[in-house]
Every structure is written in structure tokens, then in C-alpha cells.
Amino acid sequence: MGSSEGDPRSSPTPPRRRTVLAAIAVAVLAVDAVLLAWTEMAWLTLRVGDGGVPLPIAALVAALTTPVLVLGADAVLPGSRAPLVPLAVWTLTVLVAGLWSPAGAGVLPPDWRAVLLLAAGVVPGALALSWRGARHRVHGAPG
């Protein structure tokens, strides 16, 4: 019938271009991690009811999003250390912005909610890192 020569869909992406696109995707995931960290820190102050009961929805969001960022970076650059980038950026953002600011104390409240946010972001993200490393070892890819 016809050959696929000359069809741009039939030729694979050149390796250099693929690497550049993957690096851009990981950078976008790192920016997402910063934005999510700031949003989650802002949500830590949410309270409900007349008594002002703390509503730590930020911890739930962190627990759901950090593994997604880690696995997204692994999908872009499988078998590399790229999945560490969004988790490290998220953690550093929460620690630096949460504990320190030019005006004095950071934005994290000095109570259990700060610890909960850190644990809810780091533990699922680390589990996703561990899972993807085990998956790459089982399938023979470097991890």
C-alpha cells in the first residue's frame, strides 16, 4: 500500500530532543511541587465550626500529590534519579518557607499540623520512590 517513509509520525523522537523534553517535564513537576507546597502550607490554617477545630485537609492533599509527582517524574525518565527531584523540592520548600521567613518565623503553625503535613508529604512520596525502585529492579531496568 504505501511506505511510511517521510511520515513524521513513523520516526522516533531523536534522543537529544527526547532528553531535553524529559528535563523540561521534570522541571515542570518541580515547579508543581513548589506550588503545591505553598498551597498546602496556606491550607494548614483552615478551621471549621464555632470552636475553630483545625481541618488538616492540606495533609490529605500532600499525601495524594507527592506520590503522583514522584511517579510522574519516573514516567518521564524511568530508571533515573529524576523522581527524587519533585519530592526533594517539595520537602525543601515546606522546610525553608515553613520554618523561616525574612520577617521572622515561617508560615507553618508551631503545632501538630506542621508535623502532619511533613509526614503526609514525605512518607507517601518516599514509598512511591521505593516502589518504583523495586519495580525497576524486578523488570531489570536500573533504578
N, C-alpha and C. Protein backbone atom coordinates (compact mmCIF):
# COMPACT_ATOMS: atom_id res chain seq x y z
N MET A 1 0.84 -1.17 0.00
CA MET A 1 0.00 0.00 0.00
C MET A 1 0.88 1.23 0.00
N GLY A 2 1.48 1.62 0.93
CA GLY A 2 2.36 2.78 0.90
C GLY A 2 3.38 2.66 2.00
N SER A 3 4.43 3.33 1.82
CA SER A 3 5.51 3.31 2.81
C SER A 3 5.31 4.44 3.80
N SER A 4 5.89 4.24 4.97
CA SER A 4 5.77 5.29 5.98
C SER A 4 6.97 6.22 5.96
N GLU A 5 7.80 6.11 4.94
CA GLU A 5 8.95 6.99 4.84
C GLU A 5 8.48 8.43 4.64
N GLY A 6 9.10 9.32 5.34
CA GLY A 6 8.72 10.72 5.24
C GLY A 6 7.59 11.10 6.16
N ASP A 7 6.94 10.13 6.76
CA ASP A 7 5.85 10.40 7.69
C ASP A 7 6.45 10.74 9.06
N PRO A 8 6.22 11.95 9.57
CA PRO A 8 6.84 12.33 10.83
C PRO A 8 6.37 11.48 12.01
N ARG A 9 5.22 10.86 11.89
CA ARG A 9 4.72 10.02 12.98
C ARG A 9 5.47 8.69 13.05
N SER A 10 6.09 8.27 11.98
CA SER A 10 6.75 6.98 11.96
C SER A 10 8.18 7.03 12.50
N SER A 11 8.78 8.20 12.52
CA SER A 11 10.16 8.29 13.01
C SER A 11 10.15 8.61 14.50
N PRO A 12 10.98 7.92 15.25
CA PRO A 12 11.04 8.19 16.68
C PRO A 12 11.67 9.55 16.96
N THR A 13 11.37 10.07 18.14
CA THR A 13 11.95 11.34 18.55
C THR A 13 13.45 11.15 18.73
N PRO A 14 14.26 12.06 18.20
CA PRO A 14 15.71 11.94 18.38
C PRO A 14 16.07 11.93 19.86
N PRO A 15 17.10 11.17 20.24
CA PRO A 15 17.45 11.02 21.66
C PRO A 15 17.72 12.35 22.36
N ARG A 16 18.42 13.28 21.71
CA ARG A 16 18.72 14.55 22.35
C ARG A 16 17.45 15.34 22.62
N ARG A 17 16.56 15.37 21.66
CA ARG A 17 15.30 16.09 21.82
C ARG A 17 14.46 15.45 22.92
N ARG A 18 14.45 14.12 22.96
CA ARG A 18 13.71 13.39 23.98
C ARG A 18 14.26 13.72 25.37
N THR A 19 15.57 13.81 25.51
CA THR A 19 16.20 14.14 26.79
C THR A 19 15.86 15.55 27.22
N VAL A 20 15.87 16.48 26.29
CA VAL A 20 15.53 17.87 26.60
C VAL A 20 14.07 17.97 27.03
N LEU A 21 13.18 17.31 26.32
CA LEU A 21 11.76 17.32 26.68
C LEU A 21 11.54 16.68 28.05
N ALA A 22 12.26 15.61 28.34
CA ALA A 22 12.13 14.95 29.64
C ALA A 22 12.62 15.87 30.75
N ALA A 23 13.72 16.58 30.53
CA ALA A 23 14.24 17.51 31.53
C ALA A 23 13.26 18.65 31.77
N ILE A 24 12.63 19.13 30.72
CA ILE A 24 11.63 20.19 30.86
C ILE A 24 10.43 19.66 31.66
N ALA A 25 10.02 18.44 31.38
CA ALA A 25 8.89 17.85 32.12
C ALA A 25 9.22 17.71 33.60
N VAL A 26 10.43 17.29 33.93
CA VAL A 26 10.83 17.16 35.34
C VAL A 26 10.89 18.54 35.99
N ALA A 27 11.35 19.55 35.26
CA ALA A 27 11.37 20.92 35.79
C ALA A 27 9.95 21.41 36.07
N VAL A 28 9.02 21.10 35.19
CA VAL A 28 7.62 21.48 35.40
C VAL A 28 7.07 20.77 36.65
N LEU A 29 7.42 19.51 36.83
CA LEU A 29 6.99 18.79 38.03
C LEU A 29 7.60 19.41 39.29
N ALA A 30 8.82 19.91 39.20
CA ALA A 30 9.45 20.58 40.35
C ALA A 30 8.72 21.88 40.66
N VAL A 31 8.34 22.62 39.64
CA VAL A 31 7.56 23.86 39.86
C VAL A 31 6.20 23.50 40.47
N ASP A 32 5.59 22.43 39.99
CA ASP A 32 4.33 21.97 40.58
C ASP A 32 4.51 21.64 42.06
N ALA A 33 5.64 21.03 42.40
CA ALA A 33 5.92 20.68 43.80
C ALA A 33 6.01 21.93 44.66
N VAL A 34 6.65 22.98 44.16
CA VAL A 34 6.74 24.24 44.91
C VAL A 34 5.36 24.84 45.10
N LEU A 35 4.58 24.89 44.04
CA LEU A 35 3.24 25.48 44.13
C LEU A 35 2.34 24.67 45.07
N LEU A 36 2.43 23.36 45.00
CA LEU A 36 1.64 22.53 45.90
C LEU A 36 2.07 22.72 47.35
N ALA A 37 3.37 22.81 47.59
CA ALA A 37 3.86 23.01 48.96
C ALA A 37 3.33 24.32 49.54
N TRP A 38 3.39 25.39 48.76
CA TRP A 38 2.89 26.68 49.25
C TRP A 38 1.38 26.63 49.49
N THR A 39 0.65 25.99 48.58
CA THR A 39 -0.80 25.88 48.73
C THR A 39 -1.15 25.08 49.98
N GLU A 40 -0.46 23.97 50.17
CA GLU A 40 -0.74 23.13 51.33
C GLU A 40 -0.40 23.85 52.63
N MET A 41 0.68 24.61 52.65
CA MET A 41 1.01 25.37 53.86
C MET A 41 -0.05 26.43 54.14
N ALA A 42 -0.60 27.02 53.10
CA ALA A 42 -1.65 28.02 53.29
C ALA A 42 -2.92 27.37 53.84
N TRP A 43 -3.21 26.15 53.40
CA TRP A 43 -4.41 25.45 53.85
C TRP A 43 -4.30 24.90 55.27
N LEU A 44 -3.10 24.90 55.83
CA LEU A 44 -2.93 24.37 57.19
C LEU A 44 -3.70 25.17 58.23
N THR A 45 -4.02 26.39 57.93
CA THR A 45 -4.71 27.24 58.90
C THR A 45 -6.23 27.11 58.82
N LEU A 46 -6.74 26.27 57.93
CA LEU A 46 -8.20 26.11 57.81
C LEU A 46 -8.79 25.56 59.11
N ARG A 47 -9.90 26.15 59.50
CA ARG A 47 -10.63 25.70 60.69
C ARG A 47 -12.11 25.64 60.36
N VAL A 48 -12.85 24.77 61.05
CA VAL A 48 -14.28 24.62 60.82
C VAL A 48 -15.02 24.71 62.15
N GLY A 49 -16.26 25.08 62.06
CA GLY A 49 -17.12 25.10 63.23
C GLY A 49 -16.94 26.33 64.09
N ASP A 50 -17.82 26.41 65.10
CA ASP A 50 -17.79 27.55 66.01
C ASP A 50 -16.56 27.52 66.91
N GLY A 51 -16.08 26.33 67.25
CA GLY A 51 -14.92 26.20 68.12
C GLY A 51 -13.60 26.37 67.38
N GLY A 52 -13.65 26.48 66.08
CA GLY A 52 -12.44 26.64 65.30
C GLY A 52 -11.57 25.40 65.31
N VAL A 53 -12.18 24.24 65.04
CA VAL A 53 -11.44 22.97 65.02
C VAL A 53 -10.57 22.94 63.76
N PRO A 54 -9.26 22.66 63.91
CA PRO A 54 -8.38 22.59 62.74
C PRO A 54 -8.83 21.51 61.76
N LEU A 55 -8.78 21.83 60.48
CA LEU A 55 -9.14 20.90 59.41
C LEU A 55 -7.89 20.69 58.55
N PRO A 56 -7.11 19.65 58.82
CA PRO A 56 -5.84 19.47 58.11
C PRO A 56 -6.00 18.83 56.73
N ILE A 57 -6.82 19.45 55.89
CA ILE A 57 -7.02 18.92 54.53
C ILE A 57 -5.73 19.00 53.72
N ALA A 58 -4.84 19.90 54.12
CA ALA A 58 -3.56 20.04 53.43
C ALA A 58 -2.77 18.75 53.49
N ALA A 59 -2.85 18.04 54.61
CA ALA A 59 -2.12 16.78 54.74
C ALA A 59 -2.67 15.73 53.77
N LEU A 60 -3.97 15.71 53.59
CA LEU A 60 -4.56 14.78 52.64
C LEU A 60 -4.12 15.10 51.21
N VAL A 61 -4.11 16.39 50.87
CA VAL A 61 -3.67 16.80 49.54
C VAL A 61 -2.20 16.41 49.33
N ALA A 62 -1.37 16.65 50.34
CA ALA A 62 0.05 16.29 50.24
C ALA A 62 0.23 14.79 50.07
N ALA A 63 -0.55 14.01 50.82
CA ALA A 63 -0.43 12.56 50.75
C ALA A 63 -0.83 12.02 49.37
N LEU A 64 -1.71 12.73 48.69
CA LEU A 64 -2.15 12.30 47.36
C LEU A 64 -1.25 12.83 46.24
N THR A 65 -0.71 14.03 46.40
CA THR A 65 0.01 14.65 45.29
C THR A 65 1.50 14.32 45.22
N THR A 66 2.16 14.17 46.36
CA THR A 66 3.61 13.91 46.27
C THR A 66 3.91 12.57 45.58
N PRO A 67 3.16 11.49 45.84
CA PRO A 67 3.44 10.28 45.07
C PRO A 67 3.16 10.45 43.57
N VAL A 68 2.16 11.24 43.24
CA VAL A 68 1.85 11.48 41.83
C VAL A 68 3.01 12.21 41.16
N LEU A 69 3.59 13.19 41.84
CA LEU A 69 4.74 13.91 41.28
C LEU A 69 5.93 12.96 41.10
N VAL A 70 6.19 12.13 42.10
CA VAL A 70 7.30 11.17 42.02
C VAL A 70 7.10 10.20 40.87
N LEU A 71 5.92 9.63 40.77
CA LEU A 71 5.66 8.66 39.71
C LEU A 71 5.61 9.33 38.34
N GLY A 72 5.19 10.59 38.30
CA GLY A 72 5.22 11.33 37.04
C GLY A 72 6.65 11.54 36.54
N ALA A 73 7.55 11.90 37.45
CA ALA A 73 8.95 12.06 37.07
C ALA A 73 9.55 10.73 36.64
N ASP A 74 9.14 9.65 37.29
CA ASP A 74 9.64 8.33 36.90
C ASP A 74 9.10 7.93 35.52
N ALA A 75 7.90 8.33 35.20
CA ALA A 75 7.34 8.02 33.88
C ALA A 75 8.10 8.76 32.79
N VAL A 76 8.57 9.96 33.10
CA VAL A 76 9.29 10.76 32.11
C VAL A 76 10.71 10.24 31.92
N LEU A 77 11.39 9.96 33.02
CA LEU A 77 12.76 9.45 32.97
C LEU A 77 12.86 8.18 33.81
N PRO A 78 12.37 7.07 33.30
CA PRO A 78 12.37 5.84 34.10
C PRO A 78 13.79 5.36 34.40
N GLY A 79 13.95 4.85 35.61
CA GLY A 79 15.23 4.28 35.99
C GLY A 79 16.29 5.30 36.35
N SER A 80 15.92 6.57 36.42
CA SER A 80 16.90 7.61 36.76
C SER A 80 16.62 8.12 38.18
N ARG A 81 17.35 9.14 38.55
CA ARG A 81 17.13 9.76 39.86
C ARG A 81 16.14 10.94 39.77
N ALA A 82 15.53 11.13 38.63
CA ALA A 82 14.58 12.23 38.43
C ALA A 82 13.42 12.22 39.41
N PRO A 83 12.90 11.07 39.82
CA PRO A 83 11.79 11.08 40.79
C PRO A 83 12.15 11.70 42.13
N LEU A 84 13.43 11.79 42.44
CA LEU A 84 13.84 12.46 43.68
C LEU A 84 13.59 13.96 43.62
N VAL A 85 13.62 14.52 42.43
CA VAL A 85 13.55 15.98 42.27
C VAL A 85 12.26 16.56 42.85
N PRO A 86 11.06 16.11 42.44
CA PRO A 86 9.86 16.74 43.00
C PRO A 86 9.72 16.53 44.50
N LEU A 87 10.10 15.36 45.00
CA LEU A 87 10.00 15.11 46.43
C LEU A 87 10.97 15.99 47.21
N ALA A 88 12.19 16.11 46.72
CA ALA A 88 13.18 16.96 47.40
C ALA A 88 12.77 18.43 47.35
N VAL A 89 12.27 18.88 46.22
CA VAL A 89 11.84 20.27 46.08
C VAL A 89 10.66 20.55 47.00
N TRP A 90 9.69 19.64 47.05
CA TRP A 90 8.54 19.82 47.94
C TRP A 90 9.00 19.90 49.40
N THR A 91 9.85 18.96 49.80
CA THR A 91 10.33 18.92 51.18
C THR A 91 11.11 20.18 51.54
N LEU A 92 12.02 20.59 50.67
CA LEU A 92 12.80 21.80 50.94
C LEU A 92 11.92 23.05 51.00
N THR A 93 10.93 23.11 50.13
CA THR A 93 10.02 24.26 50.15
C THR A 93 9.26 24.33 51.47
N VAL A 94 8.74 23.21 51.91
CA VAL A 94 7.99 23.20 53.18
C VAL A 94 8.92 23.53 54.35
N LEU A 95 10.11 22.96 54.36
CA LEU A 95 11.02 23.22 55.47
C LEU A 95 11.52 24.66 55.49
N VAL A 96 11.99 25.15 54.36
CA VAL A 96 12.56 26.51 54.32
C VAL A 96 11.47 27.56 54.51
N ALA A 97 10.43 27.50 53.70
CA ALA A 97 9.37 28.51 53.80
C ALA A 97 8.55 28.33 55.07
N GLY A 98 8.43 27.10 55.51
CA GLY A 98 7.64 26.85 56.70
C GLY A 98 8.31 27.25 58.00
N LEU A 99 9.62 27.15 58.05
CA LEU A 99 10.33 27.42 59.29
C LEU A 99 11.02 28.78 59.34
N TRP A 100 11.24 29.40 58.19
CA TRP A 100 11.97 30.65 58.16
C TRP A 100 11.36 31.60 57.14
N SER A 101 11.35 32.87 57.48
CA SER A 101 10.99 33.90 56.51
C SER A 101 11.77 35.15 56.88
N PRO A 102 11.91 36.08 55.98
CA PRO A 102 12.65 37.30 56.29
C PRO A 102 12.04 38.09 57.45
N ALA A 103 10.75 37.93 57.66
CA ALA A 103 10.07 38.67 58.72
C ALA A 103 10.13 37.96 60.08
N GLY A 104 10.70 36.78 60.10
CA GLY A 104 10.78 36.04 61.37
C GLY A 104 10.39 34.60 61.17
N ALA A 105 9.44 34.15 61.97
CA ALA A 105 9.00 32.75 61.88
C ALA A 105 8.35 32.47 60.53
N GLY A 106 8.43 31.23 60.12
CA GLY A 106 7.85 30.83 58.84
C GLY A 106 6.35 30.73 58.89
N VAL A 107 5.78 30.13 57.84
CA VAL A 107 4.33 30.07 57.72
C VAL A 107 3.71 28.84 58.36
N LEU A 108 4.51 27.87 58.77
CA LEU A 108 3.94 26.68 59.41
C LEU A 108 3.51 27.00 60.84
N PRO A 109 2.34 26.52 61.23
CA PRO A 109 1.92 26.71 62.62
C PRO A 109 2.80 25.85 63.54
N PRO A 110 3.12 26.36 64.72
CA PRO A 110 4.00 25.59 65.62
C PRO A 110 3.25 24.53 66.41
N ASP A 111 2.62 23.61 65.72
CA ASP A 111 1.89 22.53 66.39
C ASP A 111 1.89 21.27 65.54
N TRP A 112 1.03 20.34 65.86
CA TRP A 112 0.98 19.04 65.22
C TRP A 112 0.67 19.09 63.73
N ARG A 113 0.03 20.16 63.28
CA ARG A 113 -0.35 20.24 61.86
C ARG A 113 0.87 20.32 60.96
N ALA A 114 1.94 20.98 61.42
CA ALA A 114 3.17 21.06 60.63
C ALA A 114 3.82 19.69 60.49
N VAL A 115 3.86 18.95 61.58
CA VAL A 115 4.44 17.60 61.55
C VAL A 115 3.59 16.70 60.66
N LEU A 116 2.27 16.82 60.78
CA LEU A 116 1.37 16.02 59.95
C LEU A 116 1.58 16.32 58.46
N LEU A 117 1.71 17.59 58.11
CA LEU A 117 1.93 17.95 56.71
C LEU A 117 3.23 17.34 56.20
N LEU A 118 4.31 17.48 56.95
CA LEU A 118 5.59 16.92 56.52
C LEU A 118 5.50 15.40 56.36
N ALA A 119 4.92 14.73 57.34
CA ALA A 119 4.80 13.27 57.26
C ALA A 119 3.90 12.85 56.10
N ALA A 120 2.80 13.58 55.90
CA ALA A 120 1.85 13.22 54.85
C ALA A 120 2.43 13.45 53.45
N GLY A 121 3.39 14.34 53.32
CA GLY A 121 4.02 14.55 52.02
C GLY A 121 5.22 13.66 51.79
N VAL A 122 6.06 13.52 52.82
CA VAL A 122 7.32 12.80 52.65
C VAL A 122 7.12 11.28 52.64
N VAL A 123 6.31 10.76 53.55
CA VAL A 123 6.18 9.30 53.65
C VAL A 123 5.57 8.69 52.38
N PRO A 124 4.43 9.16 51.87
CA PRO A 124 3.91 8.57 50.62
C PRO A 124 4.85 8.79 49.44
N GLY A 125 5.51 9.95 49.39
CA GLY A 125 6.47 10.19 48.31
C GLY A 125 7.65 9.23 48.38
N ALA A 126 8.15 8.98 49.59
CA ALA A 126 9.26 8.03 49.77
C ALA A 126 8.81 6.61 49.45
N LEU A 127 7.57 6.27 49.81
CA LEU A 127 7.05 4.94 49.45
C LEU A 127 6.93 4.78 47.94
N ALA A 128 6.53 5.84 47.26
CA ALA A 128 6.46 5.79 45.80
C ALA A 128 7.85 5.63 45.20
N LEU A 129 8.84 6.30 45.76
CA LEU A 129 10.23 6.13 45.32
C LEU A 129 10.68 4.69 45.52
N SER A 130 10.39 4.15 46.67
CA SER A 130 10.77 2.78 46.97
C SER A 130 10.07 1.80 46.03
N TRP A 131 8.79 2.03 45.79
CA TRP A 131 8.03 1.16 44.92
C TRP A 131 8.56 1.19 43.49
N ARG A 132 8.85 2.38 43.01
CA ARG A 132 9.34 2.47 41.63
C ARG A 132 10.73 1.87 41.52
N GLY A 133 11.57 2.00 42.56
CA GLY A 133 12.89 1.37 42.54
C GLY A 133 12.78 -0.14 42.51
N ALA A 134 11.88 -0.68 43.32
CA ALA A 134 11.67 -2.13 43.32
C ALA A 134 11.12 -2.59 41.98
N ARG A 135 10.23 -1.82 41.41
CA ARG A 135 9.64 -2.18 40.11
C ARG A 135 10.72 -2.23 39.03
N HIS A 136 11.65 -1.26 39.05
CA HIS A 136 12.71 -1.25 38.04
C HIS A 136 13.68 -2.41 38.26
N ARG A 137 13.95 -2.77 39.51
CA ARG A 137 14.83 -3.90 39.78
C ARG A 137 14.20 -5.21 39.31
N VAL A 138 12.91 -5.36 39.52
CA VAL A 138 12.22 -6.58 39.10
C VAL A 138 12.20 -6.70 37.59
N HIS A 139 12.00 -5.59 36.90
CA HIS A 139 11.93 -5.61 35.44
C HIS A 139 13.28 -5.45 34.77
N GLY A 140 14.35 -5.37 35.57
CA GLY A 140 15.69 -5.34 35.02
C GLY A 140 16.20 -3.97 34.62
N ALA A 141 15.42 -2.94 34.82
CA ALA A 141 15.88 -1.59 34.50
C ALA A 141 16.68 -1.04 35.67
N PRO A 142 17.64 -0.17 35.41
CA PRO A 142 18.37 0.43 36.54
C PRO A 142 17.44 1.29 37.36
N GLY A 143 17.57 1.32 38.67
CA GLY A 143 16.64 2.09 39.46
C GLY A 143 17.28 2.62 40.64
